[in-house]
Amino acid sequence: MEKYRFDGRVAVVTGAGRGIGRAYAHLLGELGAKVVVNDLGGTIEGSGSDANPAQAVAQEIIDAGGVAVADTSDISTVAGGKRAIETALENFGRIDIVINNAGNVRFGGLPDVDVDNIESHLAVHVKGAFNTSHAAWPHMLEQNYGRIVITTSIGMFGLPDNTGYATAKAAVLGMANSMTLSAGEHDIKINVIAPNAMTRMGGAPSDGMDEMRKGKDEPKSEMDPALVAPMVGYLAHEACDVSGETYLAGAGRFAHLFVGVTEGHLHPDPHSATIEDVVDNMARIKDRSDYYVPASLMDGVNHYMAHR
């Protein structure tokens, strides 16, 4: 019998009608969680709606012996994010887990990308994750328990034509860090997952994505979305003892992604530092042989100003 189960837990999984979200919902359902399968059913660009994907996955979980209900709320809106959580409360009486997986992608890069592209990504990836988390937060505080998983992507490191997507995916790291500090001593853990799998969104047109795929069609067994699910299962479980952290998962590998700061170069007389000093010491400034990972804004400041 599986050691890490979710009996008695209630989860909302957004973007769960297909791909990676579907894999998360299935895993939680198989392990005893009651699952709200949220999916607006839109296109990969984020337009339109279709109730069938969410309903189909909920029925798959039920047919497999689990408990699930479909929800088609648009979590990019405040009302939609709240509605997804209310669906859990009305059907199952509580909310323990929120997995923010819903996303969209509209390829575009400078000089042609416009602010509408940026805003469309922020609406789903950033505001969507905030809306559901914000709605669940009071309930998690009251029960002194909660697990929130937010989705980023190695796409945050950029392609020539994914400016909006990269911007949104980088933003959620800061969100998770700040939420972790807000949780304080409460048993509420907020972490970030960067999935590595071939999905509908992974098949969108992009020179960089085409190079990665090298003409292969999905699904490929080593890129099965189900291979991401074990890491998300851990981050959603009561055994999870980390918060404010980011993990990569997929294709059989699990890894930790973090933002680090080098020790850098310390000028003996700060007031006399020049551009020449920066240029002459750039190798030392960039030297990653010794670095720290800030746990908060103040922790970062304290490390950086430790010489004072």
C-alpha atoms as a PDB file:
ATOM      1  CA  MET A   1       0.000   0.000   0.000  1.00  0.00           C
ATOM      2  CA  GLU A   2       1.223   3.483  -0.862  1.00  0.00           C
ATOM      3  CA  LYS A   3       2.823   5.075   2.218  1.00  0.00           C
ATOM      4  CA  TYR A   4       2.021   8.666   1.332  1.00  0.00           C
ATOM      5  CA  ARG A   5      -1.729   8.922   0.966  1.00  0.00           C
ATOM      6  CA  PHE A   6      -4.192  11.807   1.013  1.00  0.00           C
ATOM      7  CA  ASP A   7      -7.145  10.263   2.794  1.00  0.00           C
ATOM      8  CA  GLY A   8      -9.337  12.995   4.255  1.00  0.00           C
ATOM      9  CA  ARG A   9      -7.646  15.721   2.222  1.00  0.00           C
ATOM     10  CA  VAL A  10      -9.367  17.943  -0.330  1.00  0.00           C
ATOM     11  CA  ALA A  11      -7.496  19.338  -3.311  1.00  0.00           C
ATOM     12  CA  VAL A  12      -8.192  21.871  -6.038  1.00  0.00           C
ATOM     13  CA  VAL A  13      -6.084  21.340  -9.161  1.00  0.00           C
ATOM     14  CA  THR A  14      -6.354  24.086 -11.768  1.00  0.00           C
ATOM     15  CA  GLY A  15      -5.777  23.389 -15.429  1.00  0.00           C
ATOM     16  CA  ALA A  16      -6.527  19.749 -14.639  1.00  0.00           C
ATOM     17  CA  GLY A  17      -8.513  18.898 -17.751  1.00  0.00           C
ATOM     18  CA  ARG A  18      -5.464  17.895 -19.746  1.00  0.00           C
ATOM     19  CA  GLY A  19      -1.752  17.137 -19.588  1.00  0.00           C
ATOM     20  CA  ILE A  20       0.180  17.720 -16.412  1.00  0.00           C
ATOM     21  CA  GLY A  21      -2.792  18.941 -14.354  1.00  0.00           C
ATOM     22  CA  ARG A  22      -4.703  15.805 -15.287  1.00  0.00           C
ATOM     23  CA  ALA A  23      -1.771  13.694 -14.071  1.00  0.00           C
ATOM     24  CA  TYR A  24      -1.755  15.543 -10.725  1.00  0.00           C
ATOM     25  CA  ALA A  25      -5.501  15.116 -10.293  1.00  0.00           C
ATOM     26  CA  HIS A  26      -5.322  11.413 -11.070  1.00  0.00           C
ATOM     27  CA  LEU A  27      -2.468  10.807  -8.619  1.00  0.00           C
ATOM     28  CA  LEU A  28      -4.232  12.633  -5.782  1.00  0.00           C
ATOM     29  CA  GLY A  29      -7.484  10.840  -6.542  1.00  0.00           C
ATOM     30  CA  GLU A  30      -5.785   7.447  -6.604  1.00  0.00           C
ATOM     31  CA  LEU A  31      -4.202   8.199  -3.224  1.00  0.00           C
ATOM     32  CA  GLY A  32      -7.444   9.106  -1.486  1.00  0.00           C
ATOM     33  CA  ALA A  33      -7.855  12.846  -1.933  1.00  0.00           C
ATOM     34  CA  LYS A  34     -11.173  14.368  -2.915  1.00  0.00           C
ATOM     35  CA  VAL A  35     -10.359  16.391  -6.021  1.00  0.00           C
ATOM     36  CA  VAL A  36     -11.830  19.478  -7.629  1.00  0.00           C
ATOM     37  CA  VAL A  37     -10.838  19.250 -11.289  1.00  0.00           C
ATOM     38  CA  ASN A  38     -10.717  22.877 -12.393  1.00  0.00           C
ATOM     39  CA  ASP A  39     -10.325  23.713 -16.063  1.00  0.00           C
ATOM     40  CA  LEU A  40     -11.840  26.505 -18.112  1.00  0.00           C
ATOM     41  CA  GLY A  41     -11.260  24.437 -21.219  1.00  0.00           C
ATOM     42  CA  GLY A  42      -9.754  27.251 -23.265  1.00  0.00           C
ATOM     43  CA  THR A  43      -7.163  27.239 -26.021  1.00  0.00           C
ATOM     44  CA  ILE A  44      -3.459  27.272 -25.264  1.00  0.00           C
ATOM     45  CA  GLU A  45      -3.569  31.040 -25.835  1.00  0.00           C
ATOM     46  CA  GLY A  46      -6.217  31.329 -23.118  1.00  0.00           C
ATOM     47  CA  SER A  47      -9.309  32.095 -25.159  1.00  0.00           C
ATOM     48  CA  GLY A  48     -12.663  30.317 -25.221  1.00  0.00           C
ATOM     49  CA  SER A  49     -14.061  27.697 -22.874  1.00  0.00           C
ATOM     50  CA  ASP A  50     -15.194  24.073 -22.909  1.00  0.00           C
ATOM     51  CA  ALA A  51     -16.633  22.158 -19.954  1.00  0.00           C
ATOM     52  CA  ASN A  52     -15.772  18.746 -21.379  1.00  0.00           C
ATOM     53  CA  PRO A  53     -12.098  18.442 -20.309  1.00  0.00           C
ATOM     54  CA  ALA A  54     -12.793  19.069 -16.604  1.00  0.00           C
ATOM     55  CA  GLN A  55     -15.861  16.836 -16.620  1.00  0.00           C
ATOM     56  CA  ALA A  56     -14.007  14.039 -18.417  1.00  0.00           C
ATOM     57  CA  VAL A  57     -11.134  13.974 -15.922  1.00  0.00           C
ATOM     58  CA  ALA A  58     -13.465  14.116 -12.931  1.00  0.00           C
ATOM     59  CA  GLN A  59     -15.350  11.147 -14.367  1.00  0.00           C
ATOM     60  CA  GLU A  60     -12.097   9.255 -14.980  1.00  0.00           C
ATOM     61  CA  ILE A  61     -11.196   9.645 -11.294  1.00  0.00           C
ATOM     62  CA  ILE A  62     -14.670   8.511 -10.220  1.00  0.00           C
ATOM     63  CA  ASP A  63     -14.541   5.526 -12.570  1.00  0.00           C
ATOM     64  CA  ALA A  64     -11.215   4.549 -11.006  1.00  0.00           C
ATOM     65  CA  GLY A  65     -12.806   4.502  -7.552  1.00  0.00           C
ATOM     66  CA  GLY A  66     -11.925   8.021  -6.461  1.00  0.00           C
ATOM     67  CA  VAL A  67     -13.929  11.098  -5.553  1.00  0.00           C
ATOM     68  CA  ALA A  68     -13.928  14.159  -7.788  1.00  0.00           C
ATOM     69  CA  VAL A  69     -16.039  16.998  -9.079  1.00  0.00           C
ATOM     70  CA  ALA A  70     -15.527  19.229 -12.113  1.00  0.00           C
ATOM     71  CA  ASP A  71     -15.245  23.012 -11.950  1.00  0.00           C
ATOM     72  CA  THR A  72     -14.950  25.321 -14.973  1.00  0.00           C
ATOM     73  CA  SER A  73     -14.292  28.613 -13.193  1.00  0.00           C
ATOM     74  CA  ASP A  74     -11.940  31.118 -14.806  1.00  0.00           C
ATOM     75  CA  ILE A  75      -9.310  31.426 -12.104  1.00  0.00           C
ATOM     76  CA  SER A  76      -7.724  34.446 -13.834  1.00  0.00           C
ATOM     77  CA  THR A  77     -10.587  36.441 -12.259  1.00  0.00           C
ATOM     78  CA  VAL A  78     -11.066  37.054  -8.553  1.00  0.00           C
ATOM     79  CA  ALA A  79     -14.562  35.590  -8.694  1.00  0.00           C
ATOM     80  CA  GLY A  80     -13.349  32.529 -10.594  1.00  0.00           C
ATOM     81  CA  GLY A  81     -10.517  31.824  -8.192  1.00  0.00           C
ATOM     82  CA  LYS A  82     -12.895  32.113  -5.262  1.00  0.00           C
ATOM     83  CA  ARG A  83     -15.449  29.906  -6.999  1.00  0.00           C
ATOM     84  CA  ALA A  84     -12.934  27.078  -7.454  1.00  0.00           C
ATOM     85  CA  ILE A  85     -12.276  27.044  -3.706  1.00  0.00           C
ATOM     86  CA  GLU A  86     -15.973  27.343  -2.887  1.00  0.00           C
ATOM     87  CA  THR A  87     -16.576  24.261  -5.037  1.00  0.00           C
ATOM     88  CA  ALA A  88     -14.264  22.310  -2.719  1.00  0.00           C
ATOM     89  CA  LEU A  89     -15.943  23.673   0.407  1.00  0.00           C
ATOM     90  CA  GLU A  90     -19.482  23.066  -0.833  1.00  0.00           C
ATOM     91  CA  ASN A  91     -18.806  19.524  -2.022  1.00  0.00           C
ATOM     92  CA  PHE A  92     -16.241  18.287   0.484  1.00  0.00           C
ATOM     93  CA  GLY A  93     -16.332  20.658   3.456  1.00  0.00           C
ATOM     94  CA  ARG A  94     -12.716  21.832   3.470  1.00  0.00           C
ATOM     95  CA  ILE A  95      -9.695  22.787   1.377  1.00  0.00           C
ATOM     96  CA  ASP A  96      -6.222  21.407   2.098  1.00  0.00           C
ATOM     97  CA  ILE A  97      -4.348  21.556  -1.182  1.00  0.00           C
ATOM     98  CA  VAL A  98      -4.264  24.035  -4.052  1.00  0.00           C
ATOM     99  CA  ILE A  99      -2.214  23.108  -7.094  1.00  0.00           C
ATOM    100  CA  ASN A 100      -1.994  26.089  -9.420  1.00  0.00           C
ATOM    101  CA  ASN A 101      -1.300  24.478 -12.774  1.00  0.00           C
ATOM    102  CA  ALA A 102      -3.510  26.474 -15.165  1.00  0.00           C
ATOM    103  CA  GLY A 103      -1.570  28.311 -17.824  1.00  0.00           C
ATOM    104  CA  ASN A 104      -1.525  29.791 -21.298  1.00  0.00           C
ATOM    105  CA  VAL A 105       1.127  30.686 -23.809  1.00  0.00           C
ATOM    106  CA  ARG A 106       1.157  33.267 -26.591  1.00  0.00           C
ATOM    107  CA  PHE A 107       4.482  33.354 -28.318  1.00  0.00           C
ATOM    108  CA  GLY A 108       6.001  36.722 -29.082  1.00  0.00           C
ATOM    109  CA  GLY A 109       9.277  38.539 -28.585  1.00  0.00           C
ATOM    110  CA  LEU A 110      10.733  41.980 -29.050  1.00  0.00           C
ATOM    111  CA  PRO A 111      10.218  44.100 -31.009  1.00  0.00           C
ATOM    112  CA  ASP A 112       6.800  42.775 -31.957  1.00  0.00           C
ATOM    113  CA  VAL A 113       5.423  41.539 -28.609  1.00  0.00           C
ATOM    114  CA  ASP A 114       2.963  43.967 -27.018  1.00  0.00           C
ATOM    115  CA  VAL A 115       1.726  44.672 -23.516  1.00  0.00           C
ATOM    116  CA  ASP A 116      -1.479  42.692 -24.137  1.00  0.00           C
ATOM    117  CA  ASN A 117       0.691  39.592 -24.500  1.00  0.00           C
ATOM    118  CA  ILE A 118       2.380  40.295 -21.173  1.00  0.00           C
ATOM    119  CA  GLU A 119      -0.915  40.962 -19.412  1.00  0.00           C
ATOM    120  CA  SER A 120      -2.546  37.811 -20.799  1.00  0.00           C
ATOM    121  CA  HIS A 121       0.188  35.690 -19.203  1.00  0.00           C
ATOM    122  CA  LEU A 122       0.156  37.556 -15.906  1.00  0.00           C
ATOM    123  CA  ALA A 123      -3.630  37.119 -15.730  1.00  0.00           C
ATOM    124  CA  VAL A 124      -3.503  33.321 -15.801  1.00  0.00           C
ATOM    125  CA  HIS A 125      -0.139  32.339 -14.328  1.00  0.00           C
ATOM    126  CA  VAL A 126       0.283  35.021 -11.679  1.00  0.00           C
ATOM    127  CA  LYS A 127      -3.171  36.416 -10.899  1.00  0.00           C
ATOM    128  CA  GLY A 128      -4.710  32.957 -11.273  1.00  0.00           C
ATOM    129  CA  ALA A 129      -2.332  31.457  -8.721  1.00  0.00           C
ATOM    130  CA  PHE A 130      -2.924  34.406  -6.421  1.00  0.00           C
ATOM    131  CA  ASN A 131      -6.722  34.281  -6.725  1.00  0.00           C
ATOM    132  CA  THR A 132      -7.058  30.633  -5.714  1.00  0.00           C
ATOM    133  CA  SER A 133      -4.415  30.892  -2.991  1.00  0.00           C
ATOM    134  CA  HIS A 134      -5.975  34.053  -1.591  1.00  0.00           C
ATOM    135  CA  ALA A 135      -9.406  32.416  -1.461  1.00  0.00           C
ATOM    136  CA  ALA A 136      -8.047  29.295   0.259  1.00  0.00           C
ATOM    137  CA  TRP A 137      -5.802  31.151   2.711  1.00  0.00           C
ATOM    138  CA  PRO A 138      -8.335  31.964   5.482  1.00  0.00           C
ATOM    139  CA  HIS A 139      -9.438  28.320   5.596  1.00  0.00           C
ATOM    140  CA  MET A 140      -5.855  27.105   5.760  1.00  0.00           C
ATOM    141  CA  LEU A 141      -5.090  29.544   8.566  1.00  0.00           C
ATOM    142  CA  GLU A 142      -8.137  28.438  10.530  1.00  0.00           C
ATOM    143  CA  GLN A 143      -7.233  24.757  10.291  1.00  0.00           C
ATOM    144  CA  ASN A 144      -3.488  25.474  10.621  1.00  0.00           C
ATOM    145  CA  TYR A 145      -2.816  23.368   7.567  1.00  0.00           C
ATOM    146  CA  GLY A 146      -2.401  23.850   3.848  1.00  0.00           C
ATOM    147  CA  ARG A 147      -0.273  23.008   0.866  1.00  0.00           C
ATOM    148  CA  ILE A 148      -0.029  25.318  -2.151  1.00  0.00           C
ATOM    149  CA  VAL A 149       1.920  24.439  -5.285  1.00  0.00           C
ATOM    150  CA  ILE A 150       2.479  27.065  -7.973  1.00  0.00           C
ATOM    151  CA  THR A 151       3.741  26.265 -11.454  1.00  0.00           C
ATOM    152  CA  THR A 152       6.766  27.913 -12.997  1.00  0.00           C
ATOM    153  CA  SER A 153       8.799  26.670 -15.950  1.00  0.00           C
ATOM    154  CA  ILE A 154      12.368  26.567 -17.162  1.00  0.00           C
ATOM    155  CA  GLY A 155      10.781  28.815 -19.776  1.00  0.00           C
ATOM    156  CA  MET A 156      11.558  31.567 -17.271  1.00  0.00           C
ATOM    157  CA  PHE A 157      15.125  31.430 -18.582  1.00  0.00           C
ATOM    158  CA  GLY A 158      13.818  32.614 -21.912  1.00  0.00           C
ATOM    159  CA  LEU A 159      13.456  31.962 -25.596  1.00  0.00           C
ATOM    160  CA  PRO A 160      13.590  34.648 -28.290  1.00  0.00           C
ATOM    161  CA  ASP A 161       9.794  34.544 -28.559  1.00  0.00           C
ATOM    162  CA  ASN A 162       8.417  33.796 -25.072  1.00  0.00           C
ATOM    163  CA  THR A 163       8.743  37.183 -23.367  1.00  0.00           C
ATOM    164  CA  GLY A 164       5.317  37.170 -21.705  1.00  0.00           C
ATOM    165  CA  TYR A 165       5.492  33.556 -20.624  1.00  0.00           C
ATOM    166  CA  ALA A 166       9.006  33.943 -19.186  1.00  0.00           C
ATOM    167  CA  THR A 167       7.973  37.083 -17.316  1.00  0.00           C
ATOM    168  CA  ALA A 168       5.001  35.405 -15.651  1.00  0.00           C
ATOM    169  CA  LYS A 169       6.858  32.220 -14.807  1.00  0.00           C
ATOM    170  CA  ALA A 170       9.653  34.144 -13.090  1.00  0.00           C
ATOM    171  CA  ALA A 171       7.160  36.241 -11.124  1.00  0.00           C
ATOM    172  CA  VAL A 172       5.650  33.302  -9.254  1.00  0.00           C
ATOM    173  CA  LEU A 173       8.964  32.535  -7.509  1.00  0.00           C
ATOM    174  CA  GLY A 174       8.708  35.824  -5.649  1.00  0.00           C
ATOM    175  CA  MET A 175       5.055  35.166  -4.910  1.00  0.00           C
ATOM    176  CA  ALA A 176       5.807  31.815  -3.291  1.00  0.00           C
ATOM    177  CA  ASN A 177       8.642  33.279  -1.211  1.00  0.00           C
ATOM    178  CA  SER A 178       6.449  36.084   0.106  1.00  0.00           C
ATOM    179  CA  MET A 179       3.536  33.724   0.821  1.00  0.00           C
ATOM    180  CA  THR A 180       5.884  31.494   2.786  1.00  0.00           C
ATOM    181  CA  LEU A 181       6.866  34.401   5.016  1.00  0.00           C
ATOM    182  CA  SER A 182       3.190  35.344   5.440  1.00  0.00           C
ATOM    183  CA  ALA A 183       2.455  31.798   6.626  1.00  0.00           C
ATOM    184  CA  GLY A 184       4.893  32.246   9.490  1.00  0.00           C
ATOM    185  CA  GLU A 185       4.650  29.392  11.979  1.00  0.00           C
ATOM    186  CA  HIS A 186       1.452  27.986  10.486  1.00  0.00           C
ATOM    187  CA  ASP A 187       1.713  24.585   8.838  1.00  0.00           C
ATOM    188  CA  ILE A 188       1.091  26.062   5.408  1.00  0.00           C
ATOM    189  CA  LYS A 189       3.724  25.231   2.810  1.00  0.00           C
ATOM    190  CA  ILE A 190       3.974  27.047  -0.505  1.00  0.00           C
ATOM    191  CA  ASN A 191       6.318  25.704  -3.164  1.00  0.00           C
ATOM    192  CA  VAL A 192       6.905  25.955  -6.889  1.00  0.00           C
ATOM    193  CA  ILE A 193       7.137  23.219  -9.513  1.00  0.00           C
ATOM    194  CA  ALA A 194       8.829  23.461 -12.898  1.00  0.00           C
ATOM    195  CA  PRO A 195       7.494  20.500 -14.895  1.00  0.00           C
ATOM    196  CA  ASN A 196       9.422  18.863 -17.713  1.00  0.00           C
ATOM    197  CA  ALA A 197       6.953  17.045 -19.962  1.00  0.00           C
ATOM    198  CA  MET A 198       5.449  17.130 -23.421  1.00  0.00           C
ATOM    199  CA  THR A 199       1.934  18.559 -23.333  1.00  0.00           C
ATOM    200  CA  ARG A 200      -0.437  20.567 -25.475  1.00  0.00           C
ATOM    201  CA  MET A 201       1.311  23.791 -24.424  1.00  0.00           C
ATOM    202  CA  GLY A 202       4.714  22.216 -24.976  1.00  0.00           C
ATOM    203  CA  GLY A 203       3.685  21.647 -28.565  1.00  0.00           C
ATOM    204  CA  ALA A 204       3.113  25.314 -29.340  1.00  0.00           C
ATOM    205  CA  PRO A 205       5.103  26.867 -32.220  1.00  0.00           C
ATOM    206  CA  SER A 206       8.487  28.168 -31.206  1.00  0.00           C
ATOM    207  CA  ASP A 207      11.938  27.836 -32.712  1.00  0.00           C
ATOM    208  CA  GLY A 208      13.340  26.842 -29.317  1.00  0.00           C
ATOM    209  CA  MET A 209      10.632  24.269 -28.620  1.00  0.00           C
ATOM    210  CA  ASP A 210      10.978  22.816 -32.114  1.00  0.00           C
ATOM    211  CA  GLU A 211      14.679  22.328 -31.507  1.00  0.00           C
ATOM    212  CA  MET A 212      13.987  20.545 -28.216  1.00  0.00           C
ATOM    213  CA  ARG A 213      11.389  18.276 -29.794  1.00  0.00           C
ATOM    214  CA  LYS A 214      13.545  17.599 -32.864  1.00  0.00           C
ATOM    215  CA  GLY A 215      10.422  16.659 -34.772  1.00  0.00           C
ATOM    216  CA  LYS A 216       9.148  14.110 -32.241  1.00  0.00           C
ATOM    217  CA  ASP A 217       5.442  13.786 -31.646  1.00  0.00           C
ATOM    218  CA  GLU A 218       3.998  13.583 -28.147  1.00  0.00           C
ATOM    219  CA  PRO A 219       3.432  11.592 -26.114  1.00  0.00           C
ATOM    220  CA  LYS A 220       6.884  10.138 -25.513  1.00  0.00           C
ATOM    221  CA  SER A 221       7.164   7.838 -22.550  1.00  0.00           C
ATOM    222  CA  GLU A 222      10.152   9.644 -21.043  1.00  0.00           C
ATOM    223  CA  MET A 223       8.215  12.922 -21.269  1.00  0.00           C
ATOM    224  CA  ASP A 224       4.935  11.584 -19.865  1.00  0.00           C
ATOM    225  CA  PRO A 225       3.265  14.211 -17.608  1.00  0.00           C
ATOM    226  CA  ALA A 226       2.717  11.457 -15.014  1.00  0.00           C
ATOM    227  CA  LEU A 227       6.478  11.487 -14.374  1.00  0.00           C
ATOM    228  CA  VAL A 228       6.163  14.990 -12.919  1.00  0.00           C
ATOM    229  CA  ALA A 229       3.417  14.010 -10.471  1.00  0.00           C
ATOM    230  CA  PRO A 230       5.519  12.359  -7.705  1.00  0.00           C
ATOM    231  CA  MET A 231       7.269  15.645  -6.889  1.00  0.00           C
ATOM    232  CA  VAL A 232       3.978  17.528  -6.800  1.00  0.00           C
ATOM    233  CA  GLY A 233       2.557  14.721  -4.668  1.00  0.00           C
ATOM    234  CA  TYR A 234       5.325  15.330  -2.138  1.00  0.00           C
ATOM    235  CA  LEU A 235       4.865  19.113  -2.174  1.00  0.00           C
ATOM    236  CA  ALA A 236       1.108  18.602  -1.627  1.00  0.00           C
ATOM    237  CA  HIS A 237       1.540  16.064   1.184  1.00  0.00           C
ATOM    238  CA  GLU A 238       1.641  16.628   4.927  1.00  0.00           C
ATOM    239  CA  ALA A 239       5.139  15.100   4.870  1.00  0.00           C
ATOM    240  CA  CYS A 240       6.399  18.138   2.937  1.00  0.00           C
ATOM    241  CA  ASP A 241       8.718  20.111   5.196  1.00  0.00           C
ATOM    242  CA  VAL A 242       9.979  22.736   2.737  1.00  0.00           C
ATOM    243  CA  SER A 243       8.433  26.049   1.740  1.00  0.00           C
ATOM    244  CA  GLY A 244       9.292  28.874  -0.615  1.00  0.00           C
ATOM    245  CA  GLU A 245      11.353  26.533  -2.773  1.00  0.00           C
ATOM    246  CA  THR A 246      11.327  25.536  -6.435  1.00  0.00           C
ATOM    247  CA  TYR A 247      11.775  22.059  -7.867  1.00  0.00           C
ATOM    248  CA  LEU A 248      12.118  20.615 -11.349  1.00  0.00           C
ATOM    249  CA  ALA A 249      10.550  17.275 -12.158  1.00  0.00           C
ATOM    250  CA  GLY A 250      10.034  15.042 -15.149  1.00  0.00           C
ATOM    251  CA  ALA A 251      11.618  12.405 -17.373  1.00  0.00           C
ATOM    252  CA  GLY A 252      12.880  10.539 -14.313  1.00  0.00           C
ATOM    253  CA  ARG A 253      14.847  13.428 -12.810  1.00  0.00           C
ATOM    254  CA  PHE A 254      14.046  15.617  -9.798  1.00  0.00           C
ATOM    255  CA  ALA A 255      16.101  18.722  -9.051  1.00  0.00           C
ATOM    256  CA  HIS A 256      16.185  21.888  -6.936  1.00  0.00           C
ATOM    257  CA  LEU A 257      16.174  25.279  -8.660  1.00  0.00           C
ATOM    258  CA  PHE A 258      17.234  28.307  -6.650  1.00  0.00           C
ATOM    259  CA  VAL A 259      18.379  31.910  -6.942  1.00  0.00           C
ATOM    260  CA  GLY A 260      21.830  32.406  -5.466  1.00  0.00           C
ATOM    261  CA  VAL A 261      24.088  35.394  -4.855  1.00  0.00           C
ATOM    262  CA  THR A 262      27.865  35.271  -5.160  1.00  0.00           C
ATOM    263  CA  GLU A 263      30.098  36.695  -2.451  1.00  0.00           C
ATOM    264  CA  GLY A 264      31.399  39.044  -5.099  1.00  0.00           C
ATOM    265  CA  HIS A 265      34.100  41.678  -4.832  1.00  0.00           C
ATOM    266  CA  LEU A 266      34.347  43.940  -1.782  1.00  0.00           C
ATOM    267  CA  HIS A 267      36.028  47.257  -2.487  1.00  0.00           C
ATOM    268  CA  PRO A 268      38.211  48.429   0.423  1.00  0.00           C
ATOM    269  CA  ASP A 269      36.932  51.991   0.050  1.00  0.00           C
ATOM    270  CA  PRO A 270      33.327  52.030  -1.248  1.00  0.00           C
ATOM    271  CA  HIS A 271      33.335  55.775  -1.903  1.00  0.00           C
ATOM    272  CA  SER A 272      36.256  55.549  -4.312  1.00  0.00           C
ATOM    273  CA  ALA A 273      34.939  52.658  -6.440  1.00  0.00           C
ATOM    274  CA  THR A 274      34.896  53.324 -10.188  1.00  0.00           C
ATOM    275  CA  ILE A 275      33.660  51.645 -13.340  1.00  0.00           C
ATOM    276  CA  GLU A 276      37.239  50.456 -13.846  1.00  0.00           C
ATOM    277  CA  ASP A 277      37.086  48.629 -10.513  1.00  0.00           C
ATOM    278  CA  VAL A 278      33.950  46.813 -11.643  1.00  0.00           C
ATOM    279  CA  VAL A 279      35.509  45.811 -14.973  1.00  0.00           C
ATOM    280  CA  ASP A 280      38.772  44.667 -13.372  1.00  0.00           C
ATOM    281  CA  ASN A 281      36.970  42.519 -10.801  1.00  0.00           C
ATOM    282  CA  MET A 282      34.144  41.121 -12.931  1.00  0.00           C
ATOM    283  CA  ALA A 283      35.540  37.581 -12.764  1.00  0.00           C
ATOM    284  CA  ARG A 284      35.453  37.714  -8.973  1.00  0.00           C
ATOM    285  CA  ILE A 285      31.993  39.293  -8.957  1.00  0.00           C
ATOM    286  CA  LYS A 286      30.701  36.395 -11.064  1.00  0.00           C
ATOM    287  CA  ASP A 287      32.629  33.640  -9.251  1.00  0.00           C
ATOM    288  CA  ARG A 288      30.097  31.003  -8.164  1.00  0.00           C
ATOM    289  CA  SER A 289      32.483  28.985  -6.034  1.00  0.00           C
ATOM    290  CA  ASP A 290      30.953  30.615  -2.962  1.00  0.00           C
ATOM    291  CA  TYR A 291      27.369  31.851  -2.845  1.00  0.00           C
ATOM    292  CA  TYR A 292      24.316  32.073  -0.609  1.00  0.00           C
ATOM    293  CA  VAL A 293      20.601  31.598  -1.209  1.00  0.00           C
ATOM    294  CA  PRO A 294      18.550  34.379   0.429  1.00  0.00           C
ATOM    295  CA  ALA A 295      15.590  33.113   2.445  1.00  0.00           C
ATOM    296  CA  SER A 296      13.922  36.538   2.509  1.00  0.00           C
ATOM    297  CA  LEU A 297      14.552  40.170   1.607  1.00  0.00           C
ATOM    298  CA  MET A 298      16.103  40.860   5.005  1.00  0.00           C
ATOM    299  CA  ASP A 299      18.180  37.692   4.903  1.00  0.00           C
ATOM    300  CA  GLY A 300      19.550  38.818   1.545  1.00  0.00           C
ATOM    301  CA  VAL A 301      20.325  42.289   2.873  1.00  0.00           C
ATOM    302  CA  ASN A 302      22.023  40.886   5.971  1.00  0.00           C
ATOM    303  CA  HIS A 303      24.246  38.640   3.865  1.00  0.00           C
ATOM    304  CA  TYR A 304      25.091  41.388   1.415  1.00  0.00           C
ATOM    305  CA  MET A 305      25.871  43.929   4.155  1.00  0.00           C
ATOM    306  CA  ALA A 306      27.648  41.466   6.472  1.00  0.00           C
ATOM    307  CA  HIS A 307      30.894  43.431   6.040  1.00  0.00           C
ATOM    308  CA  ARG A 308      29.432  46.542   7.677  1.00  0.00           C
END
